[in-house]
Amino acid sequence: MRREISYGLRSLRRRPLWMFALWSVPEALPTALSGLAVARAVDDGFLAGRPLVGVAWLASVLVAACAGALGARQVFARLGDLVEPFRDDLVRSTVDGALDRAVRGRSDDGALARLTHQVEIVRDTYAGLLVLVRGFCVTSVGAIAGLASVSPLVLIWTLPPFALGLGLFLATLGLAARRQREYVRSDEDLSTVAGRVLGGARDLAAHGARDWALALAGRSVDAQARAERALARVAALRTLCFAVGGWLPLLALLAAGPWLAARGVTAGAILGGLTYVLIGLQPALGSLVQGLGGSGLRFVVTLGRLLDTAAPPPRPSPASGRPRGGAVSARGLTFAYGPHAEPVLRDLDLDLPAGSHLAVVGPSGIGKSTFASLCAGLLTPGAGTVTVDGSPEPAPDLRVLIPQEAYVFTGTVAENLSYHSADASRARLDRAAEAVGAAGLIARLGGLDAPIRPAGLSAGERQLIALTRAYLSPAPLAILDEATCHLDPAAEERAEKAFAERPGTLIVIAHRISSAERAGTVLVLDGTGAVFGDRATMPERSPMFRELLGHWDAQIQPAS
């Protein structure tokens, strides 16, 4: 439960929280004034034979209530400033967790339910808890301040039992959260077992396994019943806590009435103290017990399930502490699209030093994009390993992939460019755009602050935006999977040269001879094997490379 509470507290934004708290002050006025007004109305008004004075004191509570209503209106107007950023953080965490599992090749059937249902439950309960806790603090602080102003002796008799009840209730919250989790788990287990038993009812009856099935389901039923009884016992403890904190102060004050009167405490002061207990402390504690015992537990349990599936914190790679240059190493790399399919790559060994420039060539459908996805960590090898700077983890700070179909999202130009480098200055964005060749496009769009409508961009324009975004990434390995196929040869050359001069390693899936000509090393995939080596020696070593060179040369020969 500490983890969930800490997460909720960390999500509170400082400025909206202060405004939220400041506008709560007027709302405390009616509670703070109520008992004092009753005491003065009785002592200085009605008992003194001045009814108008008594009425005036009671009317002051009405005026304070109007001020409190204004404060409450402002509080709810600012509630969204606290709740919506919390929801946005939770959505990002949930999506990141689902993407992290997808990258690692693990299915996540519950991601959509978490995103559309559980996140909204947490958002709603979070808002309710903020209102609840704020209301308790406002009411109880106002009542305690009022009790002190009426009579310190009255405060002495009412505050200790109230604090005792509150402390006992807070002490039960950890136990209540555990019992709630056990109940949820038992309910899910019962649903699973019952579904299996009912789904196989005919087979169980045919094989005489009726008693075994009943015993299996019965264990789950008994476990859920135990969990529900344990939850009910916790609810009974909450009722006891409320009785101590809500009713014991009232009984203590009534029992101490003669003692207080003997020490000069007036009837109005005693009546004012009772007012603070009845309309201040008791309702505040009752709302807190009921709210935290219900929506508070739902918040903790549901948020806990979301945090359990969130993306794990970045783990240091085996290369931590060493220079990160994007060195790629493949050992026995094998991959097939299915258990009975012919491998696209088989037993590939490759060492690409940091700072290398590799072009991957081969006929269409031969496995070039598969190799790129394996290097990027988007696919899991069937056998063998591929590492970047010694790390097999698909960490986004090590690798960046630009596919053929570039993705551009709705937002400003700067937001698209700085997606991988949130702290990039505007000058750095401009330099990156100039290097890649996107400066003219950005100027036509209206500058870095111009909004982007993805549907209004051509395929080549989207590639320029995506290339600039990747160029700014801190990842030392950049993989261009035909990421310049929609650019003209001059624009392609400029972009590839910019990435080649960028610190780190560059892998280019070549679709023109010029990409292979610019690379220092070449990997040729021909469907039966792979040939890796210097660009200069590759025509002699690879018949497939010679064939591709002839095909490319024929494409660029002028028509006769």
Protein backbone atom coordinates (compact mmCIF):
# COMPACT_ATOMS: atom_id res chain seq x y z
CA MET A 1 0.00 0.00 0.00
CA ARG A 2 2.93 2.35 0.59
CA ARG A 3 3.88 2.11 -3.07
CA GLU A 4 0.40 3.15 -4.24
CA ILE A 5 0.16 6.02 -1.74
CA SER A 6 3.63 7.24 -2.69
CA TYR A 7 2.70 7.14 -6.38
CA GLY A 8 -0.42 9.20 -5.73
CA LEU A 9 1.47 11.77 -3.64
CA ARG A 10 4.28 12.09 -6.19
CA SER A 11 1.71 12.85 -8.87
CA LEU A 12 0.45 15.96 -7.08
CA ARG A 13 1.57 19.09 -8.90
CA ARG A 14 2.87 21.77 -6.54
CA ARG A 15 1.13 24.89 -7.88
CA PRO A 16 -2.34 23.31 -8.44
CA LEU A 17 -2.08 21.69 -5.01
CA TRP A 18 -1.42 25.03 -3.30
CA MET A 19 -4.35 26.63 -5.12
CA PHE A 20 -6.47 23.62 -4.20
CA ALA A 21 -5.49 24.07 -0.53
CA LEU A 22 -5.89 27.84 -0.45
CA TRP A 23 -9.42 27.73 -1.80
CA SER A 24 -10.25 25.19 0.91
CA VAL A 25 -9.73 27.84 3.59
CA PRO A 26 -13.07 29.63 2.96
CA GLU A 27 -14.81 26.27 3.08
CA ALA A 28 -13.54 25.77 6.64
CA LEU A 29 -15.28 28.95 7.84
CA PRO A 30 -18.81 27.53 8.39
CA THR A 31 -17.47 24.65 10.50
CA ALA A 32 -15.04 26.84 12.43
CA LEU A 33 -17.75 29.40 13.21
CA SER A 34 -20.70 27.09 13.89
CA GLY A 35 -19.99 26.07 17.49
CA LEU A 36 -18.67 29.52 18.43
CA ALA A 37 -21.82 31.14 17.00
CA VAL A 38 -24.02 28.74 18.98
CA ALA A 39 -22.07 29.44 22.17
CA ARG A 40 -22.29 33.23 21.75
CA ALA A 41 -25.93 33.07 20.69
CA VAL A 42 -26.79 31.16 23.88
CA ASP A 43 -24.58 33.00 26.37
CA ASP A 44 -24.66 36.55 24.99
CA GLY A 45 -28.02 36.40 23.27
CA PHE A 46 -30.85 34.17 24.37
CA LEU A 47 -29.79 33.52 28.01
CA ALA A 48 -28.89 37.22 28.41
CA GLY A 49 -32.34 38.29 27.22
CA ARG A 50 -31.09 39.68 23.90
CA PRO A 51 -32.67 37.46 21.24
CA LEU A 52 -31.61 39.73 18.36
CA VAL A 53 -27.97 39.24 19.33
CA GLY A 54 -28.54 35.49 19.35
CA VAL A 55 -30.16 35.60 15.92
CA ALA A 56 -27.31 37.75 14.59
CA TRP A 57 -24.73 35.23 15.77
CA LEU A 58 -26.66 32.38 14.11
CA ALA A 59 -27.00 34.47 10.92
CA SER A 60 -23.22 34.80 10.79
CA VAL A 61 -23.05 31.06 10.13
CA LEU A 62 -25.20 31.61 7.05
CA VAL A 63 -22.81 34.29 5.78
CA ALA A 64 -19.85 31.97 6.40
CA ALA A 65 -21.66 29.21 4.51
CA CYS A 66 -21.92 31.47 1.45
CA ALA A 67 -18.16 32.10 1.58
CA GLY A 68 -17.62 28.38 2.00
CA ALA A 69 -19.76 27.67 -1.09
CA LEU A 70 -17.59 30.03 -3.14
CA GLY A 71 -14.46 28.25 -1.94
CA ALA A 72 -15.97 24.84 -2.72
CA ARG A 73 -16.78 25.98 -6.25
CA GLN A 74 -13.18 27.04 -6.83
CA VAL A 75 -11.89 23.79 -5.31
CA PHE A 76 -13.84 21.64 -7.76
CA ALA A 77 -12.85 23.92 -10.64
CA ARG A 78 -9.18 23.16 -9.86
CA LEU A 79 -9.64 19.47 -9.18
CA GLY A 80 -8.97 18.62 -12.82
CA ASP A 81 -5.55 20.33 -12.64
CA LEU A 82 -4.53 17.62 -10.18
CA VAL A 83 -6.43 14.62 -11.50
CA GLU A 84 -5.86 14.83 -15.27
CA PRO A 85 -2.02 14.92 -15.11
CA PHE A 86 -2.22 11.93 -12.76
CA ARG A 87 -4.38 10.09 -15.30
CA ASP A 88 -2.03 11.03 -18.15
CA ASP A 89 0.97 9.67 -16.22
CA LEU A 90 -0.91 6.45 -15.53
CA VAL A 91 -1.91 6.05 -19.18
CA ARG A 92 1.70 6.55 -20.28
CA SER A 93 2.89 4.03 -17.71
CA THR A 94 0.26 1.50 -18.78
CA VAL A 95 1.01 1.90 -22.48
CA ASP A 96 4.77 1.75 -21.86
CA GLY A 97 4.30 -1.48 -19.93
CA ALA A 98 2.24 -3.06 -22.73
CA LEU A 99 4.75 -1.96 -25.36
CA ASP A 100 7.64 -3.24 -23.26
CA ARG A 101 6.03 -6.71 -23.06
CA ALA A 102 5.24 -6.64 -26.79
CA VAL A 103 8.85 -5.80 -27.61
CA ARG A 104 9.94 -8.73 -25.46
CA GLY A 105 7.56 -11.04 -27.33
CA ARG A 106 5.07 -11.52 -24.50
CA SER A 107 1.34 -11.22 -25.14
CA ASP A 108 -0.72 -8.91 -22.96
CA ASP A 109 -4.43 -9.58 -23.37
CA GLY A 110 -5.38 -7.36 -20.43
CA ALA A 111 -3.72 -4.16 -21.65
CA LEU A 112 -6.87 -2.78 -23.28
CA ALA A 113 -8.98 -3.45 -20.16
CA ARG A 114 -6.38 -1.76 -17.98
CA LEU A 115 -6.24 1.25 -20.27
CA THR A 116 -9.98 1.74 -20.79
CA HIS A 117 -11.42 0.48 -17.51
CA GLN A 118 -8.93 0.23 -14.67
CA VAL A 119 -7.23 3.56 -15.40
CA GLU A 120 -10.63 5.27 -15.29
CA ILE A 121 -11.47 3.56 -11.98
CA VAL A 122 -8.21 4.81 -10.50
CA ARG A 123 -8.72 8.31 -11.93
CA ASP A 124 -12.25 8.56 -10.48
CA THR A 125 -11.27 7.17 -7.08
CA TYR A 126 -8.19 9.42 -6.99
CA ALA A 127 -10.39 12.47 -7.52
CA GLY A 128 -12.81 11.22 -4.88
CA LEU A 129 -10.01 10.63 -2.40
CA LEU A 130 -8.58 14.11 -2.93
CA VAL A 131 -12.00 15.61 -2.23
CA LEU A 132 -12.53 13.28 0.72
CA VAL A 133 -9.19 13.89 2.43
CA ARG A 134 -9.40 17.62 1.79
CA GLY A 135 -12.92 17.69 3.23
CA PHE A 136 -11.81 15.80 6.32
CA CYS A 137 -8.85 18.09 6.88
CA VAL A 138 -10.91 21.25 6.34
CA THR A 139 -13.74 20.14 8.61
CA SER A 140 -11.62 18.67 11.40
CA VAL A 141 -9.16 21.60 11.47
CA GLY A 142 -12.06 24.07 11.53
CA ALA A 143 -13.80 22.15 14.31
CA ILE A 144 -10.64 21.84 16.42
CA ALA A 145 -9.88 25.55 16.00
CA GLY A 146 -13.46 26.35 16.98
CA LEU A 147 -13.29 24.10 20.05
CA ALA A 148 -10.12 25.85 21.17
CA SER A 149 -11.78 29.26 20.75
CA VAL A 150 -14.89 28.21 22.70
CA SER A 151 -13.03 26.64 25.62
CA PRO A 152 -9.68 24.84 25.91
CA LEU A 153 -11.25 22.57 28.56
CA VAL A 154 -13.90 21.43 26.07
CA LEU A 155 -11.14 20.70 23.55
CA ILE A 156 -9.25 18.60 26.11
CA TRP A 157 -12.28 16.36 26.64
CA THR A 158 -13.16 15.89 22.95
CA LEU A 159 -9.87 15.77 21.03
CA PRO A 160 -8.17 12.68 22.61
CA PRO A 161 -11.00 10.18 21.86
CA PHE A 162 -11.36 11.62 18.37
CA ALA A 163 -7.61 11.24 17.75
CA LEU A 164 -7.71 7.71 19.19
CA GLY A 165 -10.50 6.65 16.83
CA LEU A 166 -8.72 8.19 13.86
CA GLY A 167 -5.43 6.52 14.74
CA LEU A 168 -7.08 3.10 15.15
CA PHE A 169 -8.77 3.47 11.78
CA LEU A 170 -5.54 4.42 10.00
CA ALA A 171 -3.84 1.43 11.62
CA THR A 172 -6.41 -0.93 10.03
CA LEU A 173 -5.90 0.34 6.46
CA GLY A 174 -2.94 -1.91 5.71
CA LEU A 175 -4.84 -4.96 6.93
CA ALA A 176 -7.92 -3.88 4.95
CA ALA A 177 -5.87 -3.53 1.75
CA ARG A 178 -4.44 -7.04 2.17
CA ARG A 179 -7.89 -8.49 2.80
CA GLN A 180 -9.27 -6.68 -0.26
CA ARG A 181 -6.49 -8.07 -2.48
CA GLU A 182 -7.10 -11.58 -1.14
CA TYR A 183 -10.79 -11.21 -1.88
CA VAL A 184 -10.14 -10.04 -5.46
CA ARG A 185 -7.72 -12.91 -6.06
CA SER A 186 -10.13 -15.48 -4.64
CA ASP A 187 -12.96 -14.08 -6.76
CA GLU A 188 -10.84 -14.30 -9.91
CA ASP A 189 -9.77 -17.83 -9.01
CA LEU A 190 -13.37 -18.90 -8.44
CA SER A 191 -14.43 -17.45 -11.80
CA THR A 192 -11.60 -19.30 -13.56
CA VAL A 193 -12.28 -22.65 -11.88
CA ALA A 194 -16.05 -22.38 -12.30
CA GLY A 195 -15.64 -21.55 -15.99
CA ARG A 196 -13.43 -24.58 -16.55
CA VAL A 197 -15.73 -26.93 -14.64
CA LEU A 198 -18.87 -25.71 -16.39
CA GLY A 199 -17.15 -25.74 -19.80
CA GLY A 200 -16.17 -29.39 -19.34
CA ALA A 201 -19.33 -30.51 -17.53
CA ARG A 202 -20.27 -33.14 -20.15
CA ASP A 203 -16.79 -34.68 -20.22
CA LEU A 204 -16.62 -34.70 -16.42
CA ALA A 205 -20.00 -36.43 -16.18
CA ALA A 206 -19.07 -38.94 -18.89
CA HIS A 207 -15.86 -39.91 -17.08
CA GLY A 208 -17.43 -40.06 -13.62
CA ALA A 209 -15.43 -37.11 -12.37
CA ARG A 210 -18.39 -35.27 -10.88
CA ASP A 211 -17.16 -35.55 -7.28
CA TRP A 212 -13.65 -34.44 -8.26
CA ALA A 213 -15.05 -31.38 -10.06
CA LEU A 214 -17.26 -30.51 -7.10
CA ALA A 215 -14.29 -30.75 -4.75
CA LEU A 216 -12.19 -28.58 -7.07
CA ALA A 217 -14.85 -25.88 -7.29
CA GLY A 218 -15.64 -26.26 -3.60
CA ARG A 219 -12.09 -25.34 -2.61
CA SER A 220 -12.37 -22.10 -4.57
CA VAL A 221 -15.79 -21.39 -3.07
CA ASP A 222 -14.47 -21.96 0.44
CA ALA A 223 -11.44 -19.74 -0.24
CA GLN A 224 -13.68 -16.93 -1.45
CA ALA A 225 -15.98 -17.34 1.57
CA ARG A 226 -12.98 -17.10 3.93
CA ALA A 227 -11.76 -13.99 2.13
CA GLU A 228 -15.20 -12.40 2.31
CA ARG A 229 -15.55 -13.16 6.03
CA ALA A 230 -12.09 -11.66 6.64
CA LEU A 231 -13.17 -8.57 4.73
CA ALA A 232 -16.32 -8.33 6.84
CA ARG A 233 -14.27 -8.50 10.04
CA VAL A 234 -12.20 -5.56 8.82
CA ALA A 235 -15.43 -3.66 8.14
CA ALA A 236 -16.50 -4.35 11.72
CA LEU A 237 -13.19 -2.94 12.95
CA ARG A 238 -13.87 0.23 10.97
CA THR A 239 -17.25 0.56 12.66
CA LEU A 240 -15.57 0.21 16.06
CA CYS A 241 -13.02 2.90 15.13
CA PHE A 242 -15.81 5.26 14.15
CA ALA A 243 -17.62 4.58 17.41
CA VAL A 244 -14.48 5.47 19.36
CA GLY A 245 -13.64 8.59 17.37
CA GLY A 246 -17.16 9.79 16.56
CA TRP A 247 -19.37 8.96 19.52
CA LEU A 248 -16.94 8.75 22.43
CA PRO A 249 -16.10 12.52 22.27
CA LEU A 250 -19.83 13.27 22.51
CA LEU A 251 -20.31 10.96 25.50
CA ALA A 252 -17.16 12.30 27.16
CA LEU A 253 -18.36 15.90 26.81
CA LEU A 254 -21.80 15.10 28.17
CA ALA A 255 -20.34 13.16 31.10
CA ALA A 256 -17.93 15.99 31.87
CA GLY A 257 -20.68 18.63 31.79
CA PRO A 258 -20.95 19.08 35.59
CA TRP A 259 -17.16 19.11 35.94
CA LEU A 260 -16.83 21.76 33.20
CA ALA A 261 -19.64 23.89 34.65
CA ALA A 262 -17.97 23.83 38.04
CA ARG A 263 -14.86 25.33 36.44
CA GLY A 264 -16.65 28.21 34.82
CA VAL A 265 -17.44 26.74 31.42
CA THR A 266 -20.78 28.20 30.35
CA ALA A 267 -23.78 26.32 29.02
CA GLY A 268 -23.29 27.99 25.66
CA ALA A 269 -19.68 26.81 25.51
CA ILE A 270 -20.72 23.22 26.29
CA LEU A 271 -23.49 23.42 23.68
CA GLY A 272 -21.00 24.89 21.20
CA GLY A 273 -18.62 22.00 21.89
CA LEU A 274 -21.43 19.52 21.22
CA THR A 275 -22.15 21.36 17.98
CA TYR A 276 -18.55 20.98 16.83
CA VAL A 277 -18.64 17.27 17.60
CA LEU A 278 -22.02 16.61 15.97
CA ILE A 279 -21.67 18.67 12.78
CA GLY A 280 -17.88 18.75 12.51
CA LEU A 281 -15.76 15.95 13.91
CA GLN A 282 -18.27 13.12 13.75
CA PRO A 283 -19.39 13.60 10.10
CA ALA A 284 -15.79 14.22 9.01
CA LEU A 285 -14.58 10.99 10.58
CA GLY A 286 -17.59 9.06 9.27
CA SER A 287 -16.97 10.21 5.71
CA LEU A 288 -13.27 9.37 5.99
CA VAL A 289 -13.93 5.88 7.36
CA GLN A 290 -16.56 5.12 4.76
CA GLY A 291 -14.61 6.65 1.85
CA LEU A 292 -11.18 5.19 2.57
CA GLY A 293 -12.74 1.86 3.48
CA GLY A 294 -14.52 1.72 0.10
CA SER A 295 -13.09 3.81 -2.72
CA GLY A 296 -9.72 4.06 -0.98
CA LEU A 297 -9.28 0.29 -1.05
CA ARG A 298 -10.43 0.13 -4.67
CA PHE A 299 -7.86 2.81 -5.50
CA VAL A 300 -5.02 0.95 -3.79
CA VAL A 301 -5.87 -2.47 -5.23
CA THR A 302 -6.55 -1.29 -8.79
CA LEU A 303 -3.55 1.06 -8.87
CA GLY A 304 -1.40 -1.75 -7.51
CA ARG A 305 -2.45 -4.00 -10.39
CA LEU A 306 -1.63 -1.24 -12.88
CA LEU A 307 1.77 -0.59 -11.32
CA ASP A 308 2.52 -4.32 -11.36
CA THR A 309 2.13 -4.29 -15.15
CA ALA A 310 3.84 -0.94 -15.76
CA ALA A 311 7.11 -0.76 -17.64
CA PRO A 312 10.03 -1.75 -15.41
CA PRO A 313 12.60 0.92 -14.63
CA PRO A 314 15.56 0.97 -16.99
CA ARG A 315 18.11 -1.63 -16.02
CA PRO A 316 21.80 -0.97 -16.45
CA SER A 317 23.16 -2.87 -19.40
CA PRO A 318 26.28 -5.02 -19.18
CA ALA A 319 28.01 -2.22 -21.05
CA SER A 320 27.39 0.38 -18.34
CA GLY A 321 30.50 2.30 -17.53
CA ARG A 322 31.99 1.60 -20.98
CA PRO A 323 31.71 3.96 -23.95
CA ARG A 324 28.44 3.41 -25.82
CA GLY A 325 29.20 3.45 -29.53
CA GLY A 326 26.59 1.08 -30.92
CA ALA A 327 28.80 -1.99 -31.45
CA VAL A 328 26.65 -4.85 -32.81
CA SER A 329 27.47 -8.51 -32.32
CA ALA A 330 25.44 -11.48 -33.63
CA ARG A 331 26.18 -15.08 -32.72
CA GLY A 332 24.30 -17.97 -34.30
CA LEU A 333 21.44 -15.61 -35.13
CA THR A 334 18.49 -17.64 -36.43
CA PHE A 335 14.90 -16.58 -37.02
CA ALA A 336 11.83 -18.15 -38.65
CA TYR A 337 8.25 -16.88 -38.87
CA GLY A 338 6.67 -19.93 -37.26
CA PRO A 339 7.79 -23.28 -35.85
CA HIS A 340 7.52 -25.08 -39.21
CA ALA A 341 8.66 -22.24 -41.47
CA GLU A 342 12.02 -22.14 -43.21
CA PRO A 343 14.38 -19.80 -41.31
CA VAL A 344 14.79 -16.37 -42.83
CA LEU A 345 18.18 -16.07 -41.13
CA ARG A 346 20.26 -19.06 -40.10
CA ASP A 347 23.37 -19.16 -37.88
CA LEU A 348 24.45 -15.61 -38.73
CA ASP A 349 27.67 -14.45 -37.07
CA LEU A 350 28.58 -10.78 -37.36
CA ASP A 351 30.74 -8.24 -35.53
CA LEU A 352 30.13 -4.60 -36.27
CA PRO A 353 32.48 -2.27 -34.36
CA ALA A 354 31.24 0.98 -32.88
CA GLY A 355 31.09 3.76 -35.45
CA SER A 356 30.60 1.40 -38.40
CA HIS A 357 28.44 2.07 -41.45
CA LEU A 358 26.77 -1.12 -42.73
CA ALA A 359 24.56 -1.54 -45.80
CA VAL A 360 22.32 -4.64 -45.90
CA VAL A 361 21.47 -5.73 -49.45
CA GLY A 362 19.56 -8.55 -51.05
CA PRO A 363 16.46 -9.30 -53.11
CA SER A 364 13.03 -8.25 -51.83
CA GLY A 365 11.64 -10.55 -49.13
CA ILE A 366 15.01 -12.11 -48.37
CA GLY A 367 15.10 -11.02 -44.69
CA LYS A 368 16.69 -7.56 -44.67
CA SER A 369 13.88 -5.97 -42.61
CA THR A 370 13.86 -9.06 -40.37
CA PHE A 371 17.55 -8.50 -39.66
CA ALA A 372 16.83 -4.83 -38.92
CA SER A 373 14.03 -5.77 -36.50
CA LEU A 374 16.27 -8.28 -34.74
CA CYS A 375 18.99 -5.66 -34.31
CA ALA A 376 16.37 -3.20 -33.02
CA GLY A 377 15.04 -5.75 -30.52
CA LEU A 378 11.56 -5.83 -32.06
CA LEU A 379 11.86 -9.56 -32.81
CA THR A 380 13.19 -12.28 -30.54
CA PRO A 381 15.67 -14.68 -32.20
CA GLY A 382 14.64 -18.28 -32.47
CA ALA A 383 18.23 -19.14 -31.66
CA GLY A 384 21.41 -17.22 -31.05
CA THR A 385 21.83 -13.69 -29.78
CA VAL A 386 22.24 -10.16 -31.03
CA THR A 387 23.67 -7.52 -28.69
CA VAL A 388 24.31 -3.79 -28.86
CA ASP A 389 27.26 -2.62 -26.78
CA GLY A 390 27.13 -5.99 -25.07
CA SER A 391 23.47 -5.69 -24.04
CA PRO A 392 20.77 -8.05 -25.37
CA GLU A 393 18.04 -5.82 -23.91
CA PRO A 394 15.95 -3.86 -26.48
CA ALA A 395 16.62 -0.62 -24.60
CA PRO A 396 15.45 2.52 -26.44
CA ASP A 397 18.54 4.38 -25.26
CA LEU A 398 20.71 1.97 -27.28
CA ARG A 399 18.83 1.56 -30.57
CA VAL A 400 16.58 3.65 -32.79
CA LEU A 401 14.81 2.24 -35.86
CA ILE A 402 13.27 4.28 -38.68
CA PRO A 403 10.99 2.04 -40.79
CA GLN A 404 9.85 2.60 -44.37
CA GLU A 405 6.44 3.86 -43.24
CA ALA A 406 7.45 6.78 -41.05
CA TYR A 407 5.16 7.70 -38.17
CA VAL A 408 4.27 11.33 -37.51
CA PHE A 409 1.76 12.22 -34.81
CA THR A 410 -0.57 15.16 -34.42
CA GLY A 411 1.18 17.97 -32.58
CA THR A 412 3.72 20.66 -33.27
CA VAL A 413 6.86 20.18 -35.35
CA ALA A 414 9.00 20.57 -32.21
CA GLU A 415 7.00 17.92 -30.33
CA ASN A 416 7.54 15.46 -33.18
CA LEU A 417 11.25 16.17 -33.47
CA SER A 418 12.01 16.08 -29.73
CA TYR A 419 10.09 12.87 -28.95
CA HIS A 420 13.35 10.98 -28.20
CA SER A 421 15.16 14.01 -26.76
CA ALA A 422 12.77 16.03 -24.63
CA ASP A 423 15.53 18.35 -23.38
CA ALA A 424 16.75 19.33 -26.86
CA SER A 425 17.03 23.10 -27.34
CA ARG A 426 15.44 24.84 -30.29
CA ALA A 427 18.91 25.52 -31.69
CA ARG A 428 19.68 21.80 -31.57
CA LEU A 429 16.41 21.01 -33.33
CA ASP A 430 17.30 23.50 -36.06
CA ARG A 431 20.78 22.03 -36.49
CA ALA A 432 19.43 18.50 -36.74
CA ALA A 433 16.84 19.52 -39.33
CA GLU A 434 19.52 21.28 -41.37
CA ALA A 435 21.85 18.26 -41.22
CA VAL A 436 19.20 15.75 -42.31
CA GLY A 437 17.74 18.05 -44.95
CA ALA A 438 14.40 18.81 -43.32
CA ALA A 439 14.97 22.54 -42.74
CA GLY A 440 13.15 23.57 -45.93
CA LEU A 441 10.15 21.39 -45.05
CA ILE A 442 9.97 22.83 -41.52
CA ALA A 443 10.12 26.36 -42.90
CA ARG A 444 7.25 25.57 -45.30
CA LEU A 445 5.20 24.15 -42.43
CA GLY A 446 5.63 27.38 -40.47
CA GLY A 447 8.54 26.66 -38.12
CA LEU A 448 9.04 24.54 -35.02
CA ASP A 449 5.81 25.74 -33.37
CA ALA A 450 3.65 24.99 -36.41
CA PRO A 451 1.04 22.25 -35.95
CA ILE A 452 1.44 19.08 -38.00
CA ARG A 453 -1.49 17.31 -39.61
CA PRO A 454 -0.04 13.89 -40.59
CA ALA A 455 -2.59 13.33 -43.34
CA GLY A 456 -1.44 16.56 -44.99
CA LEU A 457 2.17 15.36 -45.39
CA SER A 458 3.54 13.29 -48.24
CA ALA A 459 5.35 10.01 -47.55
CA GLY A 460 8.70 11.72 -48.17
CA GLU A 461 7.87 14.60 -45.84
CA ARG A 462 6.91 12.17 -43.09
CA GLN A 463 10.24 10.39 -43.61
CA LEU A 464 12.15 13.66 -43.21
CA ILE A 465 10.37 14.38 -39.91
CA ALA A 466 11.04 10.83 -38.65
CA LEU A 467 14.69 10.95 -39.76
CA THR A 468 15.28 14.21 -37.90
CA ARG A 469 13.60 12.75 -34.79
CA ALA A 470 15.86 9.69 -34.92
CA TYR A 471 18.95 11.82 -35.62
CA LEU A 472 18.30 13.62 -32.29
CA SER A 473 17.94 10.34 -30.38
CA PRO A 474 20.72 9.54 -27.86
CA ALA A 475 20.77 5.92 -29.11
CA PRO A 476 24.23 5.04 -30.48
CA LEU A 477 22.80 2.56 -33.02
CA ALA A 478 20.61 3.96 -35.82
CA ILE A 479 18.85 1.56 -38.20
CA LEU A 480 17.36 2.93 -41.44
CA ASP A 481 15.00 0.25 -42.79
CA GLU A 482 14.42 1.75 -46.26
CA ALA A 483 13.68 4.94 -44.33
CA THR A 484 14.65 7.11 -47.33
CA CYS A 485 12.80 5.20 -50.05
CA HIS A 486 10.35 8.09 -50.64
CA LEU A 487 13.15 10.68 -50.99
CA ASP A 488 14.95 11.57 -54.22
CA PRO A 489 18.57 10.37 -54.52
CA ALA A 490 20.04 13.74 -53.52
CA ALA A 491 17.87 13.99 -50.38
CA GLU A 492 18.64 10.36 -49.54
CA GLU A 493 22.38 10.98 -49.84
CA ARG A 494 22.20 14.01 -47.58
CA ALA A 495 20.24 12.16 -44.90
CA GLU A 496 22.48 9.08 -44.96
CA LYS A 497 25.65 11.18 -44.81
CA ALA A 498 24.22 13.03 -41.78
CA PHE A 499 23.60 9.73 -39.98
CA ALA A 500 27.04 8.43 -41.00
CA GLU A 501 28.65 11.51 -39.42
CA ARG A 502 26.44 11.19 -36.31
CA PRO A 503 28.27 9.57 -33.34
CA GLY A 504 27.52 5.86 -33.27
CA THR A 505 26.81 3.04 -35.68
CA LEU A 506 24.59 3.14 -38.77
CA ILE A 507 22.81 0.19 -40.41
CA VAL A 508 21.08 0.94 -43.71
CA ILE A 509 18.70 -1.44 -45.48
CA ALA A 510 19.71 -0.44 -49.00
CA HIS A 511 17.23 -0.05 -51.84
CA ARG A 512 19.56 1.89 -54.17
CA ILE A 513 23.16 1.19 -55.19
CA SER A 514 24.18 4.57 -53.80
CA SER A 515 23.41 3.42 -50.24
CA ALA A 516 25.71 0.42 -50.64
CA GLU A 517 28.40 2.56 -52.31
CA ARG A 518 28.50 4.93 -49.32
CA ALA A 519 28.80 2.17 -46.72
CA GLY A 520 32.12 0.93 -45.39
CA THR A 521 30.86 -2.64 -44.93
CA VAL A 522 28.13 -4.65 -46.64
CA LEU A 523 25.99 -7.60 -45.54
CA VAL A 524 24.54 -9.58 -48.46
CA LEU A 525 21.58 -11.86 -47.80
CA ASP A 526 20.78 -14.32 -50.61
CA GLY A 527 18.32 -16.71 -48.97
CA THR A 528 20.83 -19.50 -48.38
CA GLY A 529 23.44 -17.66 -46.39
CA ALA A 530 25.05 -14.33 -45.69
CA VAL A 531 28.26 -12.69 -46.83
CA PHE A 532 29.74 -9.89 -44.72
CA GLY A 533 32.77 -7.78 -45.51
CA ASP A 534 34.31 -4.61 -46.93
CA ARG A 535 32.44 -2.85 -49.71
CA ALA A 536 35.51 -2.94 -51.98
CA THR A 537 35.91 -6.74 -51.86
CA MET A 538 32.23 -7.66 -51.90
CA PRO A 539 31.80 -7.89 -55.76
CA GLU A 540 34.47 -10.62 -55.85
CA ARG A 541 33.12 -12.52 -52.83
CA SER A 542 29.37 -12.44 -53.55
CA PRO A 543 27.73 -13.38 -56.87
CA MET A 544 24.46 -12.01 -55.49
CA PHE A 545 26.08 -8.62 -54.89
CA ARG A 546 27.43 -8.57 -58.47
CA GLU A 547 23.97 -9.41 -59.75
CA LEU A 548 22.40 -6.62 -57.68
CA LEU A 549 25.01 -4.14 -58.93
CA GLY A 550 24.14 -5.05 -62.50
CA HIS A 551 20.43 -4.70 -61.77
CA TRP A 552 20.90 -1.28 -60.16
CA ASP A 553 23.22 -0.12 -62.96
CA ALA A 554 20.64 -1.11 -65.56
CA GLN A 555 18.00 0.94 -63.74
CA ILE A 556 20.03 4.14 -63.83
CA GLN A 557 21.33 3.82 -67.44
CA PRO A 558 19.92 6.60 -69.68
CA ALA A 559 17.36 5.45 -72.20
CA SER A 560 18.73 5.11 -75.77
